[in-house]
Amino acid sequence: PQINPRPSREALPLPERAALDDYLA
């Protein structure tokens, strides 16, 4: 959160569901 303030977060290359689920696991 220190690097990415809220207004900038939608423009990030956010992961797809499978990649995020894999990361959390």
PDB file of all heavy atoms in Angstrom:
ATOM      1  N   PRO A   1       0.809  -1.229   0.000  1.00  0.00           N
ATOM      2  CA  PRO A   1       0.000   0.000   0.000  1.00  0.00           C
ATOM      3  C   PRO A   1       0.835   1.269   0.000  1.00  0.00           C
ATOM      4  O   PRO A   1       0.350   2.325  -0.427  1.00  0.00           O
ATOM      5  CB  PRO A   1      -0.830  -0.130   1.282  1.00  0.00           C
ATOM      6  CG  PRO A   1      -0.026  -1.023   2.171  1.00  0.00           C
ATOM      7  CD  PRO A   1       0.662  -1.985   1.248  1.00  0.00           C
ATOM      8  N   GLN A   2       2.059   1.202   0.477  1.00  0.00           N
ATOM      9  CA  GLN A   2       2.898   2.396   0.486  1.00  0.00           C
ATOM     10  C   GLN A   2       3.351   2.757  -0.928  1.00  0.00           C
ATOM     11  O   GLN A   2       3.505   3.930  -1.261  1.00  0.00           O
ATOM     12  CB  GLN A   2       4.127   2.174   1.388  1.00  0.00           C
ATOM     13  CG  GLN A   2       3.795   1.731   2.805  1.00  0.00           C
ATOM     14  CD  GLN A   2       2.864   2.686   3.527  1.00  0.00           C
ATOM     15  OE1 GLN A   2       3.041   3.892   3.450  1.00  0.00           O
ATOM     16  NE2 GLN A   2       1.870   2.155   4.223  1.00  0.00           N
ATOM     17  N   ILE A   3       3.537   1.773  -1.760  1.00  0.00           N
ATOM     18  CA  ILE A   3       3.988   2.003  -3.131  1.00  0.00           C
ATOM     19  C   ILE A   3       2.821   2.377  -4.040  1.00  0.00           C
ATOM     20  O   ILE A   3       2.965   3.185  -4.969  1.00  0.00           O
ATOM     21  CB  ILE A   3       4.706   0.746  -3.675  1.00  0.00           C
ATOM     22  CG1 ILE A   3       5.980   0.473  -2.863  1.00  0.00           C
ATOM     23  CG2 ILE A   3       5.034   0.889  -5.163  1.00  0.00           C
ATOM     24  CD1 ILE A   3       6.663  -0.831  -3.223  1.00  0.00           C
ATOM     25  N   ASN A   4       1.650   1.810  -3.767  1.00  0.00           N
ATOM     26  CA  ASN A   4       0.495   1.958  -4.650  1.00  0.00           C
ATOM     27  C   ASN A   4      -0.667   2.632  -3.919  1.00  0.00           C
ATOM     28  O   ASN A   4      -1.467   1.955  -3.270  1.00  0.00           O
ATOM     29  CB  ASN A   4       0.057   0.584  -5.161  1.00  0.00           C
ATOM     30  CG  ASN A   4       1.165  -0.145  -5.887  1.00  0.00           C
ATOM     31  OD1 ASN A   4       1.574   0.242  -6.961  1.00  0.00           O
ATOM     32  ND2 ASN A   4       1.671  -1.210  -5.279  1.00  0.00           N
ATOM     33  N   PRO A   5      -0.807   3.947  -3.997  1.00  0.00           N
ATOM     34  CA  PRO A   5      -1.959   4.609  -3.374  1.00  0.00           C
ATOM     35  C   PRO A   5      -3.256   4.165  -4.051  1.00  0.00           C
ATOM     36  O   PRO A   5      -3.262   3.701  -5.201  1.00  0.00           O
ATOM     37  CB  PRO A   5      -1.678   6.097  -3.602  1.00  0.00           C
ATOM     38  CG  PRO A   5      -0.716   6.144  -4.738  1.00  0.00           C
ATOM     39  CD  PRO A   5       0.097   4.895  -4.669  1.00  0.00           C
ATOM     40  N   ARG A   6      -4.369   4.321  -3.342  1.00  0.00           N
ATOM     41  CA  ARG A   6      -5.643   3.776  -3.819  1.00  0.00           C
ATOM     42  C   ARG A   6      -6.030   4.190  -5.230  1.00  0.00           C
ATOM     43  O   ARG A   6      -6.457   3.349  -6.021  1.00  0.00           O
ATOM     44  CB  ARG A   6      -6.760   4.140  -2.833  1.00  0.00           C
ATOM     45  CG  ARG A   6      -6.741   3.312  -1.567  1.00  0.00           C
ATOM     46  CD  ARG A   6      -7.817   3.740  -0.610  1.00  0.00           C
ATOM     47  NE  ARG A   6      -7.748   2.961   0.636  1.00  0.00           N
ATOM     48  CZ  ARG A   6      -8.415   3.283   1.734  1.00  0.00           C
ATOM     49  NH1 ARG A   6      -9.196   4.351   1.742  1.00  0.00           N
ATOM     50  NH2 ARG A   6      -8.306   2.542   2.810  1.00  0.00           N
ATOM     51  N   PRO A   7      -5.923   5.469  -5.607  1.00  0.00           N
ATOM     52  CA  PRO A   7      -6.373   5.840  -6.948  1.00  0.00           C
ATOM     53  C   PRO A   7      -5.640   5.127  -8.078  1.00  0.00           C
ATOM     54  O   PRO A   7      -6.137   5.055  -9.200  1.00  0.00           O
ATOM     55  CB  PRO A   7      -6.119   7.349  -6.997  1.00  0.00           C
ATOM     56  CG  PRO A   7      -6.125   7.783  -5.569  1.00  0.00           C
ATOM     57  CD  PRO A   7      -5.510   6.645  -4.811  1.00  0.00           C
ATOM     58  N   SER A   8      -4.434   4.585  -7.788  1.00  0.00           N
ATOM     59  CA  SER A   8      -3.628   3.950  -8.838  1.00  0.00           C
ATOM     60  C   SER A   8      -3.873   2.453  -8.963  1.00  0.00           C
ATOM     61  O   SER A   8      -3.372   1.825  -9.902  1.00  0.00           O
ATOM     62  CB  SER A   8      -2.141   4.188  -8.546  1.00  0.00           C
ATOM     63  OG  SER A   8      -1.721   3.433  -7.402  1.00  0.00           O
ATOM     64  N   ARG A   9      -4.644   1.873  -8.077  1.00  0.00           N
ATOM     65  CA  ARG A   9      -4.655   0.406  -7.987  1.00  0.00           C
ATOM     66  C   ARG A   9      -5.442  -0.268  -9.110  1.00  0.00           C
ATOM     67  O   ARG A   9      -5.113  -1.394  -9.492  1.00  0.00           O
ATOM     68  CB  ARG A   9      -5.173  -0.010  -6.611  1.00  0.00           C
ATOM     69  CG  ARG A   9      -4.198   0.341  -5.499  1.00  0.00           C
ATOM     70  CD  ARG A   9      -4.752   0.145  -4.104  1.00  0.00           C
ATOM     71  NE  ARG A   9      -3.808   0.675  -3.109  1.00  0.00           N
ATOM     72  CZ  ARG A   9      -4.085   0.812  -1.807  1.00  0.00           C
ATOM     73  NH1 ARG A   9      -5.282   0.478  -1.343  1.00  0.00           N
ATOM     74  NH2 ARG A   9      -3.176   1.296  -0.997  1.00  0.00           N
ATOM     75  N   GLU A  10      -6.468   0.390  -9.633  1.00  0.00           N
ATOM     76  CA  GLU A  10      -7.217  -0.247 -10.711  1.00  0.00           C
ATOM     77  C   GLU A  10      -6.362  -0.382 -11.967  1.00  0.00           C
ATOM     78  O   GLU A  10      -6.575  -1.300 -12.777  1.00  0.00           O
ATOM     79  CB  GLU A  10      -8.483   0.547 -11.030  1.00  0.00           C
ATOM     80  CG  GLU A  10      -9.392  -0.182 -12.011  1.00  0.00           C
ATOM     81  CD  GLU A  10     -10.707   0.538 -12.234  1.00  0.00           C
ATOM     82  OE1 GLU A  10     -10.718   1.782 -12.216  1.00  0.00           O
ATOM     83  OE2 GLU A  10     -11.727  -0.150 -12.409  1.00  0.00           O
ATOM     84  N   ALA A  11      -5.386   0.502 -12.150  1.00  0.00           N
ATOM     85  CA  ALA A  11      -4.532   0.464 -13.344  1.00  0.00           C
ATOM     86  C   ALA A  11      -3.414  -0.565 -13.238  1.00  0.00           C
ATOM     87  O   ALA A  11      -2.699  -0.810 -14.221  1.00  0.00           O
ATOM     88  CB  ALA A  11      -3.932   1.848 -13.601  1.00  0.00           C
ATOM     89  N   LEU A  12      -3.241  -1.188 -12.072  1.00  0.00           N
ATOM     90  CA  LEU A  12      -2.209  -2.201 -11.915  1.00  0.00           C
ATOM     91  C   LEU A  12      -2.559  -3.455 -12.722  1.00  0.00           C
ATOM     92  O   LEU A  12      -3.745  -3.727 -12.962  1.00  0.00           O
ATOM     93  CB  LEU A  12      -2.073  -2.575 -10.439  1.00  0.00           C
ATOM     94  CG  LEU A  12      -1.551  -1.492  -9.497  1.00  0.00           C
ATOM     95  CD1 LEU A  12      -1.736  -1.919  -8.037  1.00  0.00           C
ATOM     96  CD2 LEU A  12      -0.082  -1.186  -9.783  1.00  0.00           C
ATOM     97  N   PRO A  13      -1.573  -4.227 -13.136  1.00  0.00           N
ATOM     98  CA  PRO A  13      -1.850  -5.495 -13.838  1.00  0.00           C
ATOM     99  C   PRO A  13      -2.296  -6.581 -12.847  1.00  0.00           C
ATOM    100  O   PRO A  13      -1.609  -7.582 -12.611  1.00  0.00           O
ATOM    101  CB  PRO A  13      -0.506  -5.830 -14.484  1.00  0.00           C
ATOM    102  CG  PRO A  13       0.513  -5.214 -13.574  1.00  0.00           C
ATOM    103  CD  PRO A  13      -0.122  -3.934 -13.068  1.00  0.00           C
ATOM    104  N   LEU A  14      -3.447  -6.363 -12.258  1.00  0.00           N
ATOM    105  CA  LEU A  14      -3.931  -7.257 -11.208  1.00  0.00           C
ATOM    106  C   LEU A  14      -4.135  -8.663 -11.751  1.00  0.00           C
ATOM    107  O   LEU A  14      -4.531  -8.844 -12.908  1.00  0.00           O
ATOM    108  CB  LEU A  14      -5.243  -6.716 -10.629  1.00  0.00           C
ATOM    109  CG  LEU A  14      -5.139  -5.361  -9.927  1.00  0.00           C
ATOM    110  CD1 LEU A  14      -6.521  -4.806  -9.622  1.00  0.00           C
ATOM    111  CD2 LEU A  14      -4.316  -5.476  -8.651  1.00  0.00           C
ATOM    112  N   PRO A  15      -3.892  -9.677 -10.932  1.00  0.00           N
ATOM    113  CA  PRO A  15      -3.931 -11.053 -11.423  1.00  0.00           C
ATOM    114  C   PRO A  15      -5.352 -11.539 -11.702  1.00  0.00           C
ATOM    115  O   PRO A  15      -6.327 -11.007 -11.175  1.00  0.00           O
ATOM    116  CB  PRO A  15      -3.307 -11.847 -10.275  1.00  0.00           C
ATOM    117  CG  PRO A  15      -3.588 -11.028  -9.059  1.00  0.00           C
ATOM    118  CD  PRO A  15      -3.489  -9.598  -9.518  1.00  0.00           C
ATOM    119  N   GLU A  16      -5.433 -12.579 -12.508  1.00  0.00           N
ATOM    120  CA  GLU A  16      -6.697 -13.278 -12.704  1.00  0.00           C
ATOM    121  C   GLU A  16      -6.957 -14.183 -11.498  1.00  0.00           C
ATOM    122  O   GLU A  16      -6.090 -14.403 -10.656  1.00  0.00           O
ATOM    123  CB  GLU A  16      -6.661 -14.090 -13.996  1.00  0.00           C
ATOM    124  CG  GLU A  16      -6.542 -13.248 -15.258  1.00  0.00           C
ATOM    125  CD  GLU A  16      -7.747 -12.335 -15.444  1.00  0.00           C
ATOM    126  OE1 GLU A  16      -8.882 -12.781 -15.182  1.00  0.00           O
ATOM    127  OE2 GLU A  16      -7.549 -11.172 -15.851  1.00  0.00           O
ATOM    128  N   ARG A  17      -8.161 -14.729 -11.444  1.00  0.00           N
ATOM    129  CA  ARG A  17      -8.579 -15.496 -10.277  1.00  0.00           C
ATOM    130  C   ARG A  17      -7.631 -16.671  -9.982  1.00  0.00           C
ATOM    131  O   ARG A  17      -7.222 -16.866  -8.830  1.00  0.00           O
ATOM    132  CB  ARG A  17      -9.992 -16.025 -10.475  1.00  0.00           C
ATOM    133  CG  ARG A  17     -10.553 -16.725  -9.230  1.00  0.00           C
ATOM    134  CD  ARG A  17     -11.917 -17.352  -9.509  1.00  0.00           C
ATOM    135  NE  ARG A  17     -12.926 -16.373  -9.807  1.00  0.00           N
ATOM    136  CZ  ARG A  17     -13.708 -15.788  -8.896  1.00  0.00           C
ATOM    137  NH1 ARG A  17     -13.557 -16.083  -7.616  1.00  0.00           N
ATOM    138  NH2 ARG A  17     -14.624 -14.920  -9.268  1.00  0.00           N
ATOM    139  N   ALA A  18      -7.277 -17.443 -10.999  1.00  0.00           N
ATOM    140  CA  ALA A  18      -6.448 -18.623 -10.763  1.00  0.00           C
ATOM    141  C   ALA A  18      -5.087 -18.233 -10.186  1.00  0.00           C
ATOM    142  O   ALA A  18      -4.577 -18.893  -9.266  1.00  0.00           O
ATOM    143  CB  ALA A  18      -6.280 -19.416 -12.058  1.00  0.00           C
ATOM    144  N   ALA A  19      -4.508 -17.162 -10.732  1.00  0.00           N
ATOM    145  CA  ALA A  19      -3.191 -16.738 -10.254  1.00  0.00           C
ATOM    146  C   ALA A  19      -3.264 -16.224  -8.818  1.00  0.00           C
ATOM    147  O   ALA A  19      -2.369 -16.496  -7.997  1.00  0.00           O
ATOM    148  CB  ALA A  19      -2.631 -15.656 -11.169  1.00  0.00           C
ATOM    149  N   LEU A  20      -4.327 -15.492  -8.486  1.00  0.00           N
ATOM    150  CA  LEU A  20      -4.463 -14.986  -7.131  1.00  0.00           C
ATOM    151  C   LEU A  20      -4.727 -16.128  -6.150  1.00  0.00           C
ATOM    152  O   LEU A  20      -4.136 -16.182  -5.062  1.00  0.00           O
ATOM    153  CB  LEU A  20      -5.591 -13.960  -7.054  1.00  0.00           C
ATOM    154  CG  LEU A  20      -5.812 -13.328  -5.680  1.00  0.00           C
ATOM    155  CD1 LEU A  20      -4.564 -12.605  -5.186  1.00  0.00           C
ATOM    156  CD2 LEU A  20      -6.993 -12.365  -5.717  1.00  0.00           C
ATOM    157  N   ASP A  21      -5.600 -17.051  -6.523  1.00  0.00           N
ATOM    158  CA  ASP A  21      -5.869 -18.199  -5.659  1.00  0.00           C
ATOM    159  C   ASP A  21      -4.600 -18.997  -5.407  1.00  0.00           C
ATOM    160  O   ASP A  21      -4.339 -19.458  -4.285  1.00  0.00           O
ATOM    161  CB  ASP A  21      -6.936 -19.096  -6.277  1.00  0.00           C
ATOM    162  CG  ASP A  21      -8.326 -18.510  -6.186  1.00  0.00           C
ATOM    163  OD1 ASP A  21      -8.518 -17.542  -5.426  1.00  0.00           O
ATOM    164  OD2 ASP A  21      -9.232 -19.026  -6.871  1.00  0.00           O
ATOM    165  N   ASP A  22      -3.792 -19.165  -6.450  1.00  0.00           N
ATOM    166  CA  ASP A  22      -2.536 -19.899  -6.302  1.00  0.00           C
ATOM    167  C   ASP A  22      -1.594 -19.173  -5.350  1.00  0.00           C
ATOM    168  O   ASP A  22      -0.951 -19.793  -4.493  1.00  0.00           O
ATOM    169  CB  ASP A  22      -1.886 -20.071  -7.677  1.00  0.00           C
ATOM    170  CG  ASP A  22      -0.543 -20.777  -7.591  1.00  0.00           C
ATOM    171  OD1 ASP A  22      -0.522 -21.982  -7.270  1.00  0.00           O
ATOM    172  OD2 ASP A  22       0.501 -20.113  -7.840  1.00  0.00           O
ATOM    173  N   TYR A  23      -1.514 -17.861  -5.495  1.00  0.00           N
ATOM    174  CA  TYR A  23      -0.646 -17.076  -4.612  1.00  0.00           C
ATOM    175  C   TYR A  23      -1.087 -17.196  -3.157  1.00  0.00           C
ATOM    176  O   TYR A  23      -0.261 -17.461  -2.263  1.00  0.00           O
ATOM    177  CB  TYR A  23      -0.649 -15.618  -5.047  1.00  0.00           C
ATOM    178  CG  TYR A  23       0.074 -14.687  -4.100  1.00  0.00           C
ATOM    179  CD1 TYR A  23       1.440 -14.799  -3.893  1.00  0.00           C
ATOM    180  CD2 TYR A  23      -0.613 -13.687  -3.405  1.00  0.00           C
ATOM    181  CE1 TYR A  23       2.118 -13.948  -3.024  1.00  0.00           C
ATOM    182  CE2 TYR A  23       0.046 -12.825  -2.547  1.00  0.00           C
ATOM    183  CZ  TYR A  23       1.408 -12.968  -2.351  1.00  0.00           C
ATOM    184  OH  TYR A  23       2.069 -12.122  -1.477  1.00  0.00           O
ATOM    185  N   LEU A  24      -2.376 -17.027  -2.888  1.00  0.00           N
ATOM    186  CA  LEU A  24      -2.864 -17.117  -1.512  1.00  0.00           C
ATOM    187  C   LEU A  24      -2.607 -18.509  -0.936  1.00  0.00           C
ATOM    188  O   LEU A  24      -2.249 -18.648   0.247  1.00  0.00           O
ATOM    189  CB  LEU A  24      -4.350 -16.782  -1.463  1.00  0.00           C
ATOM    190  CG  LEU A  24      -4.724 -15.330  -1.781  1.00  0.00           C
ATOM    191  CD1 LEU A  24      -6.239 -15.174  -1.829  1.00  0.00           C
ATOM    192  CD2 LEU A  24      -4.136 -14.375  -0.754  1.00  0.00           C
ATOM    193  N   ALA A  25      -2.787 -19.550  -1.744  1.00  0.00           N
ATOM    194  CA  ALA A  25      -2.552 -20.915  -1.271  1.00  0.00           C
ATOM    195  C   ALA A  25      -1.079 -21.149  -0.972  1.00  0.00           C
ATOM    196  O   ALA A  25      -0.725 -21.793   0.030  1.00  0.00           O
ATOM    197  CB  ALA A  25      -3.056 -21.919  -2.306  1.00  0.00           C
TER     198      ALA A  25
END
